[in-house]
N, C-alpha and C. Protein backbone atom coordinates (compact mmCIF):
# COMPACT_ATOMS: atom_id res chain seq x y z
N MET A 1 130.95 -56.51 -36.56
CA MET A 1 131.76 -55.60 -37.35
C MET A 1 131.15 -55.47 -38.73
N ILE A 2 131.16 -54.28 -39.29
CA ILE A 2 130.66 -54.04 -40.64
C ILE A 2 131.82 -53.55 -41.49
N LEU A 3 131.98 -54.19 -42.63
CA LEU A 3 132.97 -53.77 -43.62
C LEU A 3 132.22 -52.99 -44.68
N GLU A 4 132.61 -51.75 -44.92
CA GLU A 4 131.97 -50.96 -45.96
C GLU A 4 132.95 -50.80 -47.11
N VAL A 5 132.48 -51.10 -48.29
CA VAL A 5 133.28 -50.94 -49.50
C VAL A 5 132.58 -49.91 -50.36
N ALA A 6 133.20 -48.78 -50.59
CA ALA A 6 132.64 -47.73 -51.44
C ALA A 6 133.60 -47.54 -52.60
N ILE A 7 133.14 -47.89 -53.76
CA ILE A 7 133.99 -47.77 -54.95
C ILE A 7 133.57 -46.52 -55.70
N LEU A 8 134.48 -45.61 -55.88
CA LEU A 8 134.19 -44.30 -56.44
C LEU A 8 134.66 -44.19 -57.88
N ASN A 9 133.80 -43.65 -58.74
CA ASN A 9 134.19 -43.39 -60.12
C ASN A 9 134.89 -42.04 -60.20
N VAL A 10 136.01 -41.99 -60.87
CA VAL A 10 136.72 -40.75 -61.10
C VAL A 10 136.79 -40.56 -62.61
N LYS A 11 136.31 -39.41 -63.06
CA LYS A 11 136.31 -39.14 -64.49
C LYS A 11 137.73 -39.06 -65.01
N PRO A 12 137.96 -39.63 -66.20
CA PRO A 12 139.30 -39.54 -66.80
C PRO A 12 139.74 -38.07 -66.89
N GLY A 13 140.96 -37.84 -66.51
CA GLY A 13 141.50 -36.47 -66.52
C GLY A 13 141.26 -35.72 -65.23
N LYS A 14 140.45 -36.27 -64.32
CA LYS A 14 140.14 -35.62 -63.04
C LYS A 14 140.80 -36.31 -61.86
N GLU A 15 141.72 -37.21 -62.14
CA GLU A 15 142.36 -37.98 -61.07
C GLU A 15 143.07 -37.07 -60.06
N ALA A 16 143.79 -36.07 -60.55
CA ALA A 16 144.53 -35.18 -59.64
C ALA A 16 143.56 -34.38 -58.77
N ASP A 17 142.43 -33.92 -59.35
CA ASP A 17 141.43 -33.19 -58.57
C ASP A 17 140.84 -34.08 -57.48
N PHE A 18 140.55 -35.32 -57.85
CA PHE A 18 140.00 -36.27 -56.88
C PHE A 18 140.99 -36.51 -55.75
N GLU A 19 142.24 -36.76 -56.09
CA GLU A 19 143.24 -37.05 -55.07
C GLU A 19 143.42 -35.86 -54.13
N GLN A 20 143.36 -34.65 -54.67
CA GLN A 20 143.48 -33.47 -53.82
C GLN A 20 142.29 -33.35 -52.88
N ALA A 21 141.08 -33.54 -53.41
CA ALA A 21 139.88 -33.46 -52.58
C ALA A 21 139.86 -34.58 -51.55
N PHE A 22 140.23 -35.79 -51.96
CA PHE A 22 140.22 -36.91 -51.03
C PHE A 22 141.28 -36.74 -49.95
N GLY A 23 142.36 -36.08 -50.28
CA GLY A 23 143.39 -35.80 -49.27
C GLY A 23 142.82 -35.04 -48.09
N LYS A 24 141.93 -34.08 -48.39
CA LYS A 24 141.28 -33.32 -47.33
C LYS A 24 140.27 -34.19 -46.59
N THR A 25 139.54 -34.99 -47.34
CA THR A 25 138.51 -35.85 -46.77
C THR A 25 139.10 -36.92 -45.85
N GLN A 26 140.22 -37.51 -46.27
CA GLN A 26 140.78 -38.60 -45.47
C GLN A 26 141.24 -38.12 -44.10
N ALA A 27 141.59 -36.86 -43.97
CA ALA A 27 141.96 -36.33 -42.66
C ALA A 27 140.78 -36.39 -41.69
N ILE A 28 139.57 -36.24 -42.22
CA ILE A 28 138.36 -36.32 -41.40
C ILE A 28 137.97 -37.78 -41.18
N VAL A 29 137.91 -38.54 -42.27
CA VAL A 29 137.47 -39.93 -42.21
C VAL A 29 138.34 -40.76 -41.27
N SER A 30 139.63 -40.54 -41.32
CA SER A 30 140.55 -41.36 -40.52
C SER A 30 140.43 -41.11 -39.01
N THR A 31 139.71 -40.05 -38.61
CA THR A 31 139.52 -39.80 -37.18
C THR A 31 138.22 -40.39 -36.65
N MET A 32 137.41 -40.98 -37.53
CA MET A 32 136.12 -41.54 -37.10
C MET A 32 136.31 -42.79 -36.24
N LYS A 33 135.37 -42.97 -35.32
CA LYS A 33 135.41 -44.11 -34.41
C LYS A 33 135.49 -45.42 -35.20
N ASP A 34 136.36 -46.30 -34.78
CA ASP A 34 136.55 -47.63 -35.36
C ASP A 34 137.11 -47.64 -36.78
N TYR A 35 137.58 -46.50 -37.28
CA TYR A 35 138.20 -46.45 -38.60
C TYR A 35 139.45 -47.33 -38.62
N LEU A 36 139.61 -48.12 -39.67
CA LEU A 36 140.80 -48.96 -39.79
C LEU A 36 141.71 -48.50 -40.92
N LEU A 37 141.19 -48.46 -42.14
CA LEU A 37 142.02 -48.08 -43.28
C LEU A 37 141.16 -47.83 -44.51
N HIS A 38 141.78 -47.29 -45.53
CA HIS A 38 141.12 -47.15 -46.82
C HIS A 38 142.14 -47.34 -47.93
N HIS A 39 141.62 -47.67 -49.09
CA HIS A 39 142.44 -47.88 -50.28
C HIS A 39 141.78 -47.18 -51.45
N PHE A 40 142.56 -46.83 -52.47
CA PHE A 40 141.99 -46.37 -53.73
C PHE A 40 141.70 -47.59 -54.59
N TYR A 41 140.48 -47.64 -55.25
CA TYR A 41 140.03 -48.77 -56.09
C TYR A 41 139.93 -48.35 -57.54
N ASP A 42 139.93 -49.36 -58.44
CA ASP A 42 139.59 -49.09 -59.84
C ASP A 42 138.14 -48.62 -59.86
N SER A 43 137.73 -47.97 -60.93
CA SER A 43 136.40 -47.35 -60.92
C SER A 43 135.27 -48.32 -61.30
N PHE A 44 134.46 -48.66 -60.31
CA PHE A 44 133.23 -49.43 -60.49
C PHE A 44 132.18 -48.77 -59.60
N PRO A 45 130.97 -48.50 -60.07
CA PRO A 45 129.98 -47.77 -59.28
C PRO A 45 129.23 -48.67 -58.29
N THR A 46 129.92 -49.12 -57.26
CA THR A 46 129.32 -50.07 -56.33
C THR A 46 129.63 -49.65 -54.89
N VAL A 47 128.64 -49.73 -54.04
CA VAL A 47 128.85 -49.58 -52.59
C VAL A 47 128.23 -50.81 -51.95
N GLU A 48 129.00 -51.52 -51.14
CA GLU A 48 128.52 -52.72 -50.49
C GLU A 48 128.89 -52.67 -49.02
N ARG A 49 127.99 -53.19 -48.18
CA ARG A 49 128.26 -53.28 -46.74
C ARG A 49 128.05 -54.73 -46.32
N TYR A 50 128.91 -55.20 -45.46
CA TYR A 50 128.87 -56.59 -45.04
C TYR A 50 128.82 -56.68 -43.52
N THR A 51 128.07 -57.63 -43.03
CA THR A 51 128.06 -57.92 -41.61
C THR A 51 128.04 -59.45 -41.45
N SER A 52 128.59 -59.91 -40.40
CA SER A 52 128.66 -61.34 -40.16
C SER A 52 127.28 -61.90 -39.81
N VAL A 53 126.82 -62.89 -40.53
CA VAL A 53 125.54 -63.54 -40.23
C VAL A 53 125.66 -64.28 -38.92
N TYR A 54 126.78 -64.94 -38.71
CA TYR A 54 127.02 -65.69 -37.48
C TYR A 54 126.95 -64.77 -36.27
N GLU A 55 127.60 -63.62 -36.38
CA GLU A 55 127.64 -62.67 -35.27
C GLU A 55 126.23 -62.18 -34.92
N ASN A 56 125.39 -61.93 -35.91
CA ASN A 56 124.05 -61.43 -35.67
C ASN A 56 123.10 -62.53 -35.20
N ALA A 57 123.46 -63.78 -35.36
CA ALA A 57 122.60 -64.88 -34.98
C ALA A 57 122.63 -65.13 -33.46
N HIS A 58 123.59 -64.54 -32.78
CA HIS A 58 123.73 -64.80 -31.33
C HIS A 58 123.32 -63.61 -30.53
């Protein structure tokens, strides 16, 4: 299993625009295979992906 964390920066004053655009996007994202959930994060410009080392060792 891979956990993907994508932290998105939203410019101050553009929060409503982002939420409206993401509302459309989440309808697509949530139908993807193996999709579990998403959350809104504080703004930090980081994308990280994780996979289990143990799982890949076997």
